Amino acid sequence: MVVYQARVGDGFREKGLKRTNSYFSTPKEAVTEALALKKKIDSLYKNEIKWDYSEEVTGPAEKMKILKGYLSGHEKSKAFYLQIISTKRQEEFSIVSPIKLKNISSDDEKMMTKVVKLFK
């Protein structure tokens, strides 16, 4: 069985952000979690990250970068990114529920649909 994990890469601090021991049974749950982490990092940077929804999804299914963003829209700066990681389930992995968002933008909804289709 495959499990999924959501991560956010912080280009400014050059470190990742994820919820500890958070594995999901479906790609949609992982994308939902990634969007919740995106909201968290957006608030940390006072909504100065400009997310590029026109970028293509990159990487293999094991480490797929689904969305990139740049601080103040400067593409020469290091990118922020949302990433879905898939791996075979091991006994120590516990499946959890994603953080629930109250509302999702139409761009985020389209991106979620596109990513879920890629995993099928």
PDB file of N, CA and C in Angstrom:
ATOM      1  N   MET A   1       0.845  -1.179   0.000  1.00  0.00           N
ATOM      2  CA  MET A   1       0.000   0.000   0.000  1.00  0.00           C
ATOM      3  C   MET A   1       0.891   1.243   0.000  1.00  0.00           C
ATOM      4  N   VAL A   2       0.504   2.238  -0.758  1.00  0.00           N
ATOM      5  CA  VAL A   2       1.245   3.487  -0.855  1.00  0.00           C
ATOM      6  C   VAL A   2       0.631   4.516   0.088  1.00  0.00           C
ATOM      7  N   VAL A   3       1.486   5.295   0.750  1.00  0.00           N
ATOM      8  CA  VAL A   3       1.038   6.409   1.581  1.00  0.00           C
ATOM      9  C   VAL A   3       1.659   7.689   1.030  1.00  0.00           C
ATOM     10  N   TYR A   4       1.068   8.805   1.373  1.00  0.00           N
ATOM     11  CA  TYR A   4       1.483  10.097   0.850  1.00  0.00           C
ATOM     12  C   TYR A   4       1.764  11.051   2.004  1.00  0.00           C
ATOM     13  N   GLN A   5       2.677  11.981   1.767  1.00  0.00           N
ATOM     14  CA  GLN A   5       3.010  12.985   2.770  1.00  0.00           C
ATOM     15  C   GLN A   5       3.134  14.335   2.074  1.00  0.00           C
ATOM     16  N   ALA A   6       2.696  15.385   2.748  1.00  0.00           N
ATOM     17  CA  ALA A   6       2.760  16.740   2.207  1.00  0.00           C
ATOM     18  C   ALA A   6       3.889  17.508   2.880  1.00  0.00           C
ATOM     19  N   ARG A   7       4.632  18.251   2.066  1.00  0.00           N
ATOM     20  CA  ARG A   7       5.710  19.093   2.579  1.00  0.00           C
ATOM     21  C   ARG A   7       5.685  20.443   1.886  1.00  0.00           C
ATOM     22  N   VAL A   8       6.171  21.438   2.589  1.00  0.00           N
ATOM     23  CA  VAL A   8       6.356  22.765   2.020  1.00  0.00           C
ATOM     24  C   VAL A   8       7.826  23.098   2.162  1.00  0.00           C
ATOM     25  N   GLY A   9       8.448  23.522   1.067  1.00  0.00           N
ATOM     26  CA  GLY A   9       9.842  23.954   1.097  1.00  0.00           C
ATOM     27  C   GLY A   9       9.900  25.455   1.247  1.00  0.00           C
ATOM     28  N   ASP A  10      10.610  25.920   2.262  1.00  0.00           N
ATOM     29  CA  ASP A  10      10.766  27.342   2.531  1.00  0.00           C
ATOM     30  C   ASP A  10      12.050  27.814   1.862  1.00  0.00           C
ATOM     31  N   GLY A  11      11.938  28.477   0.723  1.00  0.00           N
ATOM     32  CA  GLY A  11      13.102  28.928  -0.031  1.00  0.00           C
ATOM     33  C   GLY A  11      13.905  29.990   0.690  1.00  0.00           C
ATOM     34  N   PHE A  12      13.263  30.791   1.518  1.00  0.00           N
ATOM     35  CA  PHE A  12      13.951  31.866   2.222  1.00  0.00           C
ATOM     36  C   PHE A  12      14.829  31.308   3.343  1.00  0.00           C
ATOM     37  N   ARG A  13      14.275  30.431   4.145  1.00  0.00           N
ATOM     38  CA  ARG A  13      15.025  29.834   5.262  1.00  0.00           C
ATOM     39  C   ARG A  13      15.734  28.553   4.871  1.00  0.00           C
ATOM     40  N   GLU A  14      15.452  28.079   3.672  1.00  0.00           N
ATOM     41  CA  GLU A  14      16.042  26.858   3.136  1.00  0.00           C
ATOM     42  C   GLU A  14      15.816  25.647   4.040  1.00  0.00           C
ATOM     43  N   LYS A  15      14.566  25.464   4.434  1.00  0.00           N
ATOM     44  CA  LYS A  15      14.211  24.266   5.187  1.00  0.00           C
ATOM     45  C   LYS A  15      12.778  23.896   4.860  1.00  0.00           C
ATOM     46  N   GLY A  16      12.421  22.684   5.188  1.00  0.00           N
ATOM     47  CA  GLY A  16      11.087  22.194   4.887  1.00  0.00           C
ATOM     48  C   GLY A  16      10.157  22.306   6.075  1.00  0.00           C
ATOM     49  N   LEU A  17       8.882  22.222   5.788  1.00  0.00           N
ATOM     50  CA  LEU A  17       7.854  22.284   6.808  1.00  0.00           C
ATOM     51  C   LEU A  17       6.877  21.151   6.542  1.00  0.00           C
ATOM     52  N   LYS A  18       6.598  20.362   7.546  1.00  0.00           N
ATOM     53  CA  LYS A  18       5.611  19.284   7.430  1.00  0.00           C
ATOM     54  C   LYS A  18       5.064  19.003   8.811  1.00  0.00           C
ATOM     55  N   ARG A  19       3.928  18.367   8.854  1.00  0.00           N
ATOM     56  CA  ARG A  19       3.381  17.939  10.134  1.00  0.00           C
ATOM     57  C   ARG A  19       4.024  16.597  10.456  1.00  0.00           C
ATOM     58  N   THR A  20       4.609  16.478  11.624  1.00  0.00           N
ATOM     59  CA  THR A  20       5.331  15.274  12.017  1.00  0.00           C
ATOM     60  C   THR A  20       4.428  14.046  11.986  1.00  0.00           C
ATOM     61  N   ASN A  21       4.968  12.964  11.441  1.00  0.00           N
ATOM     62  CA  ASN A  21       4.266  11.679  11.356  1.00  0.00           C
ATOM     63  C   ASN A  21       2.889  11.809  10.702  1.00  0.00           C
ATOM     64  N   SER A  22       2.833  12.581   9.633  1.00  0.00           N
ATOM     65  CA  SER A  22       1.556  12.771   8.949  1.00  0.00           C
ATOM     66  C   SER A  22       1.588  12.072   7.597  1.00  0.00           C
ATOM     67  N   TYR A  23       0.974  10.927   7.542  1.00  0.00           N
ATOM     68  CA  TYR A  23       0.870  10.152   6.310  1.00  0.00           C
ATOM     69  C   TYR A  23      -0.596  10.008   5.958  1.00  0.00           C
ATOM     70  N   PHE A  24      -0.880  10.045   4.653  1.00  0.00           N
ATOM     71  CA  PHE A  24      -2.254  10.036   4.180  1.00  0.00           C
ATOM     72  C   PHE A  24      -2.464   8.877   3.224  1.00  0.00           C
ATOM     73  N   SER A  25      -3.690   8.388   3.174  1.00  0.00           N
ATOM     74  CA  SER A  25      -3.970   7.222   2.344  1.00  0.00           C
ATOM     75  C   SER A  25      -4.293   7.579   0.895  1.00  0.00           C
ATOM     76  N   THR A  26      -4.628   8.841   0.613  1.00  0.00           N
ATOM     77  CA  THR A  26      -4.936   9.235  -0.765  1.00  0.00           C
ATOM     78  C   THR A  26      -4.151  10.497  -1.143  1.00  0.00           C
ATOM     79  N   PRO A  27      -3.892  10.675  -2.427  1.00  0.00           N
ATOM     80  CA  PRO A  27      -3.217  11.908  -2.868  1.00  0.00           C
ATOM     81  C   PRO A  27      -4.040  13.156  -2.561  1.00  0.00           C
ATOM     82  N   LYS A  28      -5.365  13.050  -2.640  1.00  0.00           N
ATOM     83  CA  LYS A  28      -6.218  14.212  -2.371  1.00  0.00           C
ATOM     84  C   LYS A  28      -6.050  14.684  -0.936  1.00  0.00           C
ATOM     85  N   GLU A  29      -5.960  13.756   0.009  1.00  0.00           N
ATOM     86  CA  GLU A  29      -5.733  14.134   1.403  1.00  0.00           C
ATOM     87  C   GLU A  29      -4.382  14.825   1.561  1.00  0.00           C
ATOM     88  N   ALA A  30      -3.368  14.326   0.874  1.00  0.00           N
ATOM     89  CA  ALA A  30      -2.037  14.927   0.949  1.00  0.00           C
ATOM     90  C   ALA A  30      -2.033  16.336   0.354  1.00  0.00           C
ATOM     91  N   VAL A  31      -2.741  16.532  -0.746  1.00  0.00           N
ATOM     92  CA  VAL A  31      -2.819  17.867  -1.348  1.00  0.00           C
ATOM     93  C   VAL A  31      -3.578  18.817  -0.420  1.00  0.00           C
ATOM     94  N   THR A  32      -4.628  18.331   0.210  1.00  0.00           N
ATOM     95  CA  THR A  32      -5.371  19.141   1.172  1.00  0.00           C
ATOM     96  C   THR A  32      -4.458  19.587   2.307  1.00  0.00           C
ATOM     97  N   GLU A  33      -3.647  18.674   2.801  1.00  0.00           N
ATOM     98  CA  GLU A  33      -2.677  18.998   3.852  1.00  0.00           C
ATOM     99  C   GLU A  33      -1.652  20.009   3.330  1.00  0.00           C
ATOM    100  N   ALA A  34      -1.176  19.833   2.105  1.00  0.00           N
ATOM    101  CA  ALA A  34      -0.210  20.765   1.519  1.00  0.00           C
ATOM    102  C   ALA A  34      -0.798  22.171   1.429  1.00  0.00           C
ATOM    103  N   LEU A  35      -2.067  22.258   1.075  1.00  0.00           N
ATOM    104  CA  LEU A  35      -2.719  23.567   0.999  1.00  0.00           C
ATOM    105  C   LEU A  35      -2.852  24.204   2.374  1.00  0.00           C
ATOM    106  N   ALA A  36      -3.072  23.399   3.405  1.00  0.00           N
ATOM    107  CA  ALA A  36      -3.121  23.920   4.770  1.00  0.00           C
ATOM    108  C   ALA A  36      -1.740  24.430   5.191  1.00  0.00           C
ATOM    109  N   LEU A  37      -0.698  23.703   4.824  1.00  0.00           N
ATOM    110  CA  LEU A  37       0.665  24.149   5.113  1.00  0.00           C
ATOM    111  C   LEU A  37       1.000  25.412   4.322  1.00  0.00           C
ATOM    112  N   LYS A  38       0.480  25.496   3.093  1.00  0.00           N
ATOM    113  CA  LYS A  38       0.667  26.699   2.264  1.00  0.00           C
ATOM    114  C   LYS A  38       0.051  27.905   2.961  1.00  0.00           C
ATOM    115  N   LYS A  39      -1.128  27.717   3.503  1.00  0.00           N
ATOM    116  CA  LYS A  39      -1.799  28.808   4.214  1.00  0.00           C
ATOM    117  C   LYS A  39      -0.972  29.242   5.430  1.00  0.00           C
ATOM    118  N   LYS A  40      -0.381  28.271   6.103  1.00  0.00           N
ATOM    119  CA  LYS A  40       0.436  28.562   7.281  1.00  0.00           C
ATOM    120  C   LYS A  40       1.682  29.359   6.892  1.00  0.00           C
ATOM    121  N   ILE A  41       2.357  28.947   5.829  1.00  0.00           N
ATOM    122  CA  ILE A  41       3.573  29.660   5.413  1.00  0.00           C
ATOM    123  C   ILE A  41       3.225  31.018   4.814  1.00  0.00           C
ATOM    124  N   ASP A  42       2.074  31.120   4.162  1.00  0.00           N
ATOM    125  CA  ASP A  42       1.628  32.420   3.648  1.00  0.00           C
ATOM    126  C   ASP A  42       1.447  33.408   4.803  1.00  0.00           C
ATOM    127  N   SER A  43       0.835  32.965   5.886  1.00  0.00           N
ATOM    128  CA  SER A  43       0.631  33.866   7.022  1.00  0.00           C
ATOM    129  C   SER A  43       1.961  34.213   7.690  1.00  0.00           C
ATOM    130  N   LEU A  44       2.905  33.285   7.697  1.00  0.00           N
ATOM    131  CA  LEU A  44       4.227  33.537   8.262  1.00  0.00           C
ATOM    132  C   LEU A  44       4.942  34.652   7.501  1.00  0.00           C
ATOM    133  N   TYR A  45       4.768  34.681   6.178  1.00  0.00           N
ATOM    134  CA  TYR A  45       5.399  35.696   5.334  1.00  0.00           C
ATOM    135  C   TYR A  45       4.432  36.809   4.942  1.00  0.00           C
ATOM    136  N   LYS A  46       3.368  36.980   5.709  1.00  0.00           N
ATOM    137  CA  LYS A  46       2.392  38.064   5.519  1.00  0.00           C
ATOM    138  C   LYS A  46       1.848  38.129   4.090  1.00  0.00           C
ATOM    139  N   ASN A  47       1.569  36.972   3.518  1.00  0.00           N
ATOM    140  CA  ASN A  47       0.988  36.836   2.178  1.00  0.00           C
ATOM    141  C   ASN A  47       1.830  37.500   1.090  1.00  0.00           C
ATOM    142  N   GLU A  48       3.141  37.506   1.265  1.00  0.00           N
ATOM    143  CA  GLU A  48       4.049  38.081   0.276  1.00  0.00           C
ATOM    144  C   GLU A  48       4.528  37.056  -0.751  1.00  0.00           C
ATOM    145  N   ILE A  49       4.175  35.799  -0.574  1.00  0.00           N
ATOM    146  CA  ILE A  49       4.584  34.758  -1.521  1.00  0.00           C
ATOM    147  C   ILE A  49       3.601  34.772  -2.684  1.00  0.00           C
ATOM    148  N   LYS A  50       4.129  34.894  -3.872  1.00  0.00           N
ATOM    149  CA  LYS A  50       3.304  34.860  -5.083  1.00  0.00           C
ATOM    150  C   LYS A  50       3.415  33.458  -5.671  1.00  0.00           C
ATOM    151  N   TRP A  51       2.314  32.703  -5.632  1.00  0.00           N
ATOM    152  CA  TRP A  51       2.302  31.317  -6.103  1.00  0.00           C
ATOM    153  C   TRP A  51       2.049  31.301  -7.600  1.00  0.00           C
ATOM    154  N   ASP A  52       2.824  30.508  -8.314  1.00  0.00           N
ATOM    155  CA  ASP A  52       2.744  30.433  -9.773  1.00  0.00           C
ATOM    156  C   ASP A  52       1.952  29.186 -10.177  1.00  0.00           C
ATOM    157  N   TYR A  53       0.676  29.372 -10.434  1.00  0.00           N
ATOM    158  CA  TYR A  53      -0.198  28.253 -10.790  1.00  0.00           C
ATOM    159  C   TYR A  53       0.005  27.810 -12.235  1.00  0.00           C
ATOM    160  N   SER A  54       0.725  28.607 -13.029  1.00  0.00           N
ATOM    161  CA  SER A  54       0.938  28.228 -14.429  1.00  0.00           C
ATOM    162  C   SER A  54       2.108  27.259 -14.596  1.00  0.00           C
ATOM    163  N   GLU A  55       2.946  27.122 -13.569  1.00  0.00           N
ATOM    164  CA  GLU A  55       4.085  26.184 -13.619  1.00  0.00           C
ATOM    165  C   GLU A  55       3.578  24.755 -13.745  1.00  0.00           C
ATOM    166  N   GLU A  56       4.333  23.953 -14.436  1.00  0.00           N
ATOM    167  CA  GLU A  56       3.999  22.532 -14.557  1.00  0.00           C
ATOM    168  C   GLU A  56       4.379  21.793 -13.278  1.00  0.00           C
ATOM    169  N   VAL A  57       3.655  20.732 -12.997  1.00  0.00           N
ATOM    170  CA  VAL A  57       3.993  19.832 -11.900  1.00  0.00           C
ATOM    171  C   VAL A  57       5.268  19.102 -12.314  1.00  0.00           C
ATOM    172  N   THR A  58       6.256  19.041 -11.408  1.00  0.00           N
ATOM    173  CA  THR A  58       7.539  18.443 -11.769  1.00  0.00           C
ATOM    174  C   THR A  58       7.915  17.313 -10.829  1.00  0.00           C
ATOM    175  N   GLY A  59       8.768  16.443 -11.314  1.00  0.00           N
ATOM    176  CA  GLY A  59       9.308  15.362 -10.503  1.00  0.00           C
ATOM    177  C   GLY A  59       8.512  14.077 -10.626  1.00  0.00           C
ATOM    178  N   PRO A  60       9.125  12.988 -10.173  1.00  0.00           N
ATOM    179  CA  PRO A  60       8.438  11.694 -10.202  1.00  0.00           C
ATOM    180  C   PRO A  60       7.391  11.617  -9.083  1.00  0.00           C
ATOM    181  N   ALA A  61       6.553  10.591  -9.127  1.00  0.00           N
ATOM    182  CA  ALA A  61       5.495  10.429  -8.126  1.00  0.00           C
ATOM    183  C   ALA A  61       6.057  10.305  -6.711  1.00  0.00           C
ATOM    184  N   GLU A  62       7.297   9.859  -6.583  1.00  0.00           N
ATOM    185  CA  GLU A  62       7.890   9.703  -5.256  1.00  0.00           C
ATOM    186  C   GLU A  62       8.201  11.042  -4.600  1.00  0.00           C
ATOM    187  N   LYS A  63       8.470  12.082  -5.396  1.00  0.00           N
ATOM    188  CA  LYS A  63       8.778  13.423  -4.879  1.00  0.00           C
ATOM    189  C   LYS A  63       8.275  14.462  -5.878  1.00  0.00           C
ATOM    190  N   MET A  64       6.983  14.652  -5.914  1.00  0.00           N
ATOM    191  CA  MET A  64       6.369  15.522  -6.909  1.00  0.00           C
ATOM    192  C   MET A  64       6.169  16.936  -6.351  1.00  0.00           C
ATOM    193  N   LYS A  65       6.785  17.921  -7.003  1.00  0.00           N
ATOM    194  CA  LYS A  65       6.577  19.320  -6.636  1.00  0.00           C
ATOM    195  C   LYS A  65       5.347  19.797  -7.386  1.00  0.00           C
ATOM    196  N   ILE A  66       4.322  20.205  -6.633  1.00  0.00           N
ATOM    197  CA  ILE A  66       3.040  20.505  -7.252  1.00  0.00           C
ATOM    198  C   ILE A  66       2.782  21.996  -7.442  1.00  0.00           C
ATOM    199  N   LEU A  67       3.522  22.857  -6.722  1.00  0.00           N
ATOM    200  CA  LEU A  67       3.288  24.296  -6.839  1.00  0.00           C
ATOM    201  C   LEU A  67       4.531  25.036  -6.351  1.00  0.00           C
ATOM    202  N   LYS A  68       4.912  26.080  -7.088  1.00  0.00           N
ATOM    203  CA  LYS A  68       6.055  26.908  -6.691  1.00  0.00           C
ATOM    204  C   LYS A  68       5.594  28.326  -6.435  1.00  0.00           C
ATOM    205  N   GLY A  69       6.308  29.000  -5.556  1.00  0.00           N
ATOM    206  CA  GLY A  69       6.023  30.390  -5.254  1.00  0.00           C
ATOM    207  C   GLY A  69       7.309  31.129  -4.964  1.00  0.00           C
ATOM    208  N   TYR A  70       7.263  32.453  -5.105  1.00  0.00           N
ATOM    209  CA  TYR A  70       8.444  33.285  -4.901  1.00  0.00           C
ATOM    210  C   TYR A  70       8.083  34.442  -3.989  1.00  0.00           C
ATOM    211  N   LEU A  71       8.992  34.771  -3.074  1.00  0.00           N
ATOM    212  CA  LEU A  71       8.778  35.881  -2.156  1.00  0.00           C
ATOM    213  C   LEU A  71       8.712  37.174  -2.956  1.00  0.00           C
ATOM    214  N   SER A  72       7.637  37.895  -2.805  1.00  0.00           N
ATOM    215  CA  SER A  72       7.362  39.147  -3.527  1.00  0.00           C
ATOM    216  C   SER A  72       7.385  38.965  -5.040  1.00  0.00           C
ATOM    217  N   GLY A  73       7.252  37.736  -5.519  1.00  0.00           N
ATOM    218  CA  GLY A  73       7.191  37.466  -6.947  1.00  0.00           C
ATOM    219  C   GLY A  73       8.540  37.511  -7.654  1.00  0.00           C
ATOM    220  N   HIS A  74       9.637  37.616  -6.909  1.00  0.00           N
ATOM    221  CA  HIS A  74      10.984  37.675  -7.505  1.00  0.00           C
ATOM    222  C   HIS A  74      11.424  36.269  -7.879  1.00  0.00           C
ATOM    223  N   GLU A  75      11.355  35.942  -9.161  1.00  0.00           N
ATOM    224  CA  GLU A  75      11.683  34.588  -9.607  1.00  0.00           C
ATOM    225  C   GLU A  75      13.166  34.260  -9.501  1.00  0.00           C
ATOM    226  N   LYS A  76      14.006  35.246  -9.262  1.00  0.00           N
ATOM    227  CA  LYS A  76      15.433  34.977  -9.083  1.00  0.00           C
ATOM    228  C   LYS A  76      15.739  34.551  -7.646  1.00  0.00           C
ATOM    229  N   SER A  77      14.778  34.721  -6.746  1.00  0.00           N
ATOM    230  CA  SER A  77      14.967  34.266  -5.372  1.00  0.00           C
ATOM    231  C   SER A  77      14.726  32.756  -5.309  1.00  0.00           C
ATOM    232  N   LYS A  78      15.105  32.145  -4.215  1.00  0.00           N
ATOM    233  CA  LYS A  78      14.874  30.705  -4.056  1.00  0.00           C
ATOM    234  C   LYS A  78      13.372  30.466  -3.926  1.00  0.00           C
ATOM    235  N   ALA A  79      12.923  29.399  -4.540  1.00  0.00           N
ATOM    236  CA  ALA A  79      11.488  29.122  -4.609  1.00  0.00           C
ATOM    237  C   ALA A  79      10.969  28.471  -3.333  1.00  0.00           C
ATOM    238  N   PHE A  80       9.728  28.776  -3.021  1.00  0.00           N
ATOM    239  CA  PHE A  80       8.946  28.038  -2.051  1.00  0.00           C
ATOM    240  C   PHE A  80       8.219  26.983  -2.878  1.00  0.00           C
ATOM    241  N   TYR A  81       7.909  25.849  -2.306  1.00  0.00           N
ATOM    242  CA  TYR A  81       7.197  24.848  -3.089  1.00  0.00           C
ATOM    243  C   TYR A  81       6.359  23.941  -2.199  1.00  0.00           C
ATOM    244  N   LEU A  82       5.316  23.404  -2.815  1.00  0.00           N
ATOM    245  CA  LEU A  82       4.509  22.362  -2.189  1.00  0.00           C
ATOM    246  C   LEU A  82       4.917  21.059  -2.831  1.00  0.00           C
ATOM    247  N   GLN A  83       5.075  20.037  -2.009  1.00  0.00           N
ATOM    248  CA  GLN A  83       5.561  18.752  -2.519  1.00  0.00           C
ATOM    249  C   GLN A  83       4.745  17.620  -1.909  1.00  0.00           C
ATOM    250  N   ILE A  84       4.433  16.628  -2.750  1.00  0.00           N
ATOM    251  CA  ILE A  84       3.781  15.407  -2.289  1.00  0.00           C
ATOM    252  C   ILE A  84       4.790  14.278  -2.453  1.00  0.00           C
ATOM    253  N   ILE A  85       5.010  13.562  -1.379  1.00  0.00           N
ATOM    254  CA  ILE A  85       5.941  12.435  -1.386  1.00  0.00           C
ATOM    255  C   ILE A  85       5.129  11.162  -1.225  1.00  0.00           C
ATOM    256  N   SER A  86       5.398  10.185  -2.063  1.00  0.00           N
ATOM    257  CA  SER A  86       4.709   8.897  -1.926  1.00  0.00           C
ATOM    258  C   SER A  86       5.741   7.821  -1.631  1.00  0.00           C
ATOM    259  N   THR A  87       5.360   6.904  -0.789  1.00  0.00           N
ATOM    260  CA  THR A  87       6.248   5.821  -0.390  1.00  0.00           C
ATOM    261  C   THR A  87       5.417   4.609   0.012  1.00  0.00           C
ATOM    262  N   LYS A  88       6.049   3.459   0.048  1.00  0.00           N
ATOM    263  CA  LYS A  88       5.345   2.258   0.495  1.00  0.00           C
ATOM    264  C   LYS A  88       5.108   2.346   1.994  1.00  0.00           C
ATOM    265  N   ARG A  89       3.931   1.933   2.391  1.00  0.00           N
ATOM    266  CA  ARG A  89       3.573   2.006   3.807  1.00  0.00           C
ATOM    267  C   ARG A  89       4.399   1.022   4.612  1.00  0.00           C
ATOM    268  N   GLN A  90       4.867   1.503   5.750  1.00  0.00           N
ATOM    269  CA  GLN A  90       5.582   0.665   6.701  1.00  0.00           C
ATOM    270  C   GLN A  90       4.798   0.668   8.003  1.00  0.00           C
ATOM    271  N   GLU A  91       5.085  -0.268   8.864  1.00  0.00           N
ATOM    272  CA  GLU A  91       4.303  -0.417  10.095  1.00  0.00           C
ATOM    273  C   GLU A  91       4.331   0.819  10.979  1.00  0.00           C
ATOM    274  N   GLU A  92       5.451   1.551  10.999  1.00  0.00           N
ATOM    275  CA  GLU A  92       5.529   2.716  11.885  1.00  0.00           C
ATOM    276  C   GLU A  92       4.783   3.931  11.349  1.00  0.00           C
ATOM    277  N   PHE A  93       4.315   3.876  10.108  1.00  0.00           N
ATOM    278  CA  PHE A  93       3.556   4.978   9.535  1.00  0.00           C
ATOM    279  C   PHE A  93       2.108   4.885  10.019  1.00  0.00           C
ATOM    280  N   SER A  94       1.612   5.950  10.599  1.00  0.00           N
ATOM    281  CA  SER A  94       0.210   5.966  10.998  1.00  0.00           C
ATOM    282  C   SER A  94      -0.533   6.957  10.107  1.00  0.00           C
ATOM    283  N   ILE A  95      -1.666   6.526   9.613  1.00  0.00           N
ATOM    284  CA  ILE A  95      -2.490   7.347   8.725  1.00  0.00           C
ATOM    285  C   ILE A  95      -3.274   8.344   9.585  1.00  0.00           C
ATOM    286  N   VAL A  96      -3.250   9.617   9.169  1.00  0.00           N
ATOM    287  CA  VAL A  96      -3.971  10.668   9.888  1.00  0.00           C
ATOM    288  C   VAL A  96      -4.908  11.388   8.926  1.00  0.00           C
ATOM    289  N   SER A  97      -5.733  12.260   9.460  1.00  0.00           N
ATOM    290  CA  SER A  97      -6.623  13.082   8.640  1.00  0.00           C
ATOM    291  C   SER A  97      -5.932  14.402   8.343  1.00  0.00           C
ATOM    292  N   PRO A  98      -6.151  14.955   7.158  1.00  0.00           N
ATOM    293  CA  PRO A  98      -5.524  16.244   6.835  1.00  0.00           C
ATOM    294  C   PRO A  98      -6.178  17.380   7.616  1.00  0.00           C
ATOM    295  N   ILE A  99      -5.445  18.472   7.744  1.00  0.00           N
ATOM    296  CA  ILE A  99      -6.001  19.677   8.343  1.00  0.00           C
ATOM    297  C   ILE A  99      -7.115  20.158   7.429  1.00  0.00           C
ATOM    298  N   LYS A 100      -8.249  20.477   7.990  1.00  0.00           N
ATOM    299  CA  LYS A 100      -9.386  20.907   7.170  1.00  0.00           C
ATOM    300  C   LYS A 100      -9.347  22.409   6.949  1.00  0.00           C
ATOM    301  N   LEU A 101      -9.508  22.790   5.700  1.00  0.00           N
ATOM    302  CA  LEU A 101      -9.554  24.202   5.334  1.00  0.00           C
ATOM    303  C   LEU A 101     -10.999  24.661   5.238  1.00  0.00           C
ATOM    304  N   LYS A 102     -11.256  25.885   5.661  1.00  0.00           N
ATOM    305  CA  LYS A 102     -12.616  26.415   5.581  1.00  0.00           C
ATOM    306  C   LYS A 102     -12.988  26.777   4.154  1.00  0.00           C
ATOM    307  N   ASN A 103     -12.016  27.295   3.403  1.00  0.00           N
ATOM    308  CA  ASN A 103     -12.281  27.630   2.005  1.00  0.00           C
ATOM    309  C   ASN A 103     -11.016  27.404   1.192  1.00  0.00           C
ATOM    310  N   ILE A 104     -11.225  27.067  -0.063  1.00  0.00           N
ATOM    311  CA  ILE A 104     -10.131  26.810  -0.988  1.00  0.00           C
ATOM    312  C   ILE A 104     -10.354  27.690  -2.211  1.00  0.00           C
ATOM    313  N   SER A 105      -9.303  28.370  -2.653  1.00  0.00           N
ATOM    314  CA  SER A 105      -9.426  29.234  -3.829  1.00  0.00           C
ATOM    315  C   SER A 105      -9.670  28.379  -5.070  1.00  0.00           C
ATOM    316  N   SER A 106     -10.182  29.004  -6.112  1.00  0.00           N
ATOM    317  CA  SER A 106     -10.444  28.262  -7.345  1.00  0.00           C
ATOM    318  C   SER A 106      -9.134  27.773  -7.970  1.00  0.00           C
ATOM    319  N   ASP A 107      -8.053  28.563  -7.845  1.00  0.00           N
ATOM    320  CA  ASP A 107      -6.752  28.130  -8.363  1.00  0.00           C
ATOM    321  C   ASP A 107      -6.254  26.900  -7.614  1.00  0.00           C
ATOM    322  N   ASP A 108      -6.417  26.896  -6.298  1.00  0.00           N
ATOM    323  CA  ASP A 108      -6.004  25.739  -5.499  1.00  0.00           C
ATOM    324  C   ASP A 108      -6.849  24.508  -5.835  1.00  0.00           C
ATOM    325  N   GLU A 109      -8.125  24.719  -6.073  1.00  0.00           N
ATOM    326  CA  GLU A 109      -9.027  23.615  -6.431  1.00  0.00           C
ATOM    327  C   GLU A 109      -8.622  22.998  -7.772  1.00  0.00           C
ATOM    328  N   LYS A 110      -8.311  23.836  -8.754  1.00  0.00           N
ATOM    329  CA  LYS A 110      -7.874  23.343 -10.066  1.00  0.00           C
ATOM    330  C   LYS A 110      -6.562  22.574  -9.946  1.00  0.00           C
ATOM    331  N   MET A 111      -5.634  23.115  -9.151  1.00  0.00           N
ATOM    332  CA  MET A 111      -4.344  22.454  -8.953  1.00  0.00           C
ATOM    333  C   MET A 111      -4.548  21.100  -8.274  1.00  0.00           C
ATOM    334  N   MET A 112      -5.427  21.042  -7.286  1.00  0.00           N
ATOM    335  CA  MET A 112      -5.702  19.767  -6.601  1.00  0.00           C
ATOM    336  C   MET A 112      -6.250  18.733  -7.568  1.00  0.00           C
ATOM    337  N   THR A 113      -7.183  19.122  -8.417  1.00  0.00           N
ATOM    338  CA  THR A 113      -7.762  18.207  -9.396  1.00  0.00           C
ATOM    339  C   THR A 113      -6.692  17.679 -10.348  1.00  0.00           C
ATOM    340  N   LYS A 114      -5.825  18.575 -10.820  1.00  0.00           N
ATOM    341  CA  LYS A 114      -4.765  18.190 -11.746  1.00  0.00           C
ATOM    342  C   LYS A 114      -3.797  17.187 -11.088  1.00  0.00           C
ATOM    343  N   VAL A 115      -3.415  17.448  -9.853  1.00  0.00           N
ATOM    344  CA  VAL A 115      -2.452  16.572  -9.159  1.00  0.00           C
ATOM    345  C   VAL A 115      -3.064  15.194  -8.869  1.00  0.00           C
ATOM    346  N   VAL A 116      -4.297  15.165  -8.426  1.00  0.00           N
ATOM    347  CA  VAL A 116      -4.951  13.886  -8.137  1.00  0.00           C
ATOM    348  C   VAL A 116      -5.041  13.049  -9.397  1.00  0.00           C
ATOM    349  N   LYS A 117      -5.319  13.675 -10.544  1.00  0.00           N
ATOM    350  CA  LYS A 117      -5.363  12.933 -11.813  1.00  0.00           C
ATOM    351  C   LYS A 117      -4.001  12.345 -12.165  1.00  0.00           C
ATOM    352  N   LEU A 118      -2.924  13.062 -11.838  1.00  0.00           N
ATOM    353  CA  LEU A 118      -1.589  12.566 -12.133  1.00  0.00           C
ATOM    354  C   LEU A 118      -1.242  11.300 -11.325  1.00  0.00           C
ATOM    355  N   PHE A 119      -1.802  11.167 -10.151  1.00  0.00           N
ATOM    356  CA  PHE A 119      -1.526   9.998  -9.323  1.00  0.00           C
ATOM    357  C   PHE A 119      -2.344   8.780  -9.708  1.00  0.00           C
ATOM    358  N   LYS A 120      -3.374   8.962 -10.536  1.00  0.00           N
ATOM    359  CA  LYS A 120      -4.214   7.825 -10.927  1.00  0.00           C
ATOM    360  C   LYS A 120      -3.606   7.032 -12.033  1.00  0.00           C
TER     361      LYS A 120
END
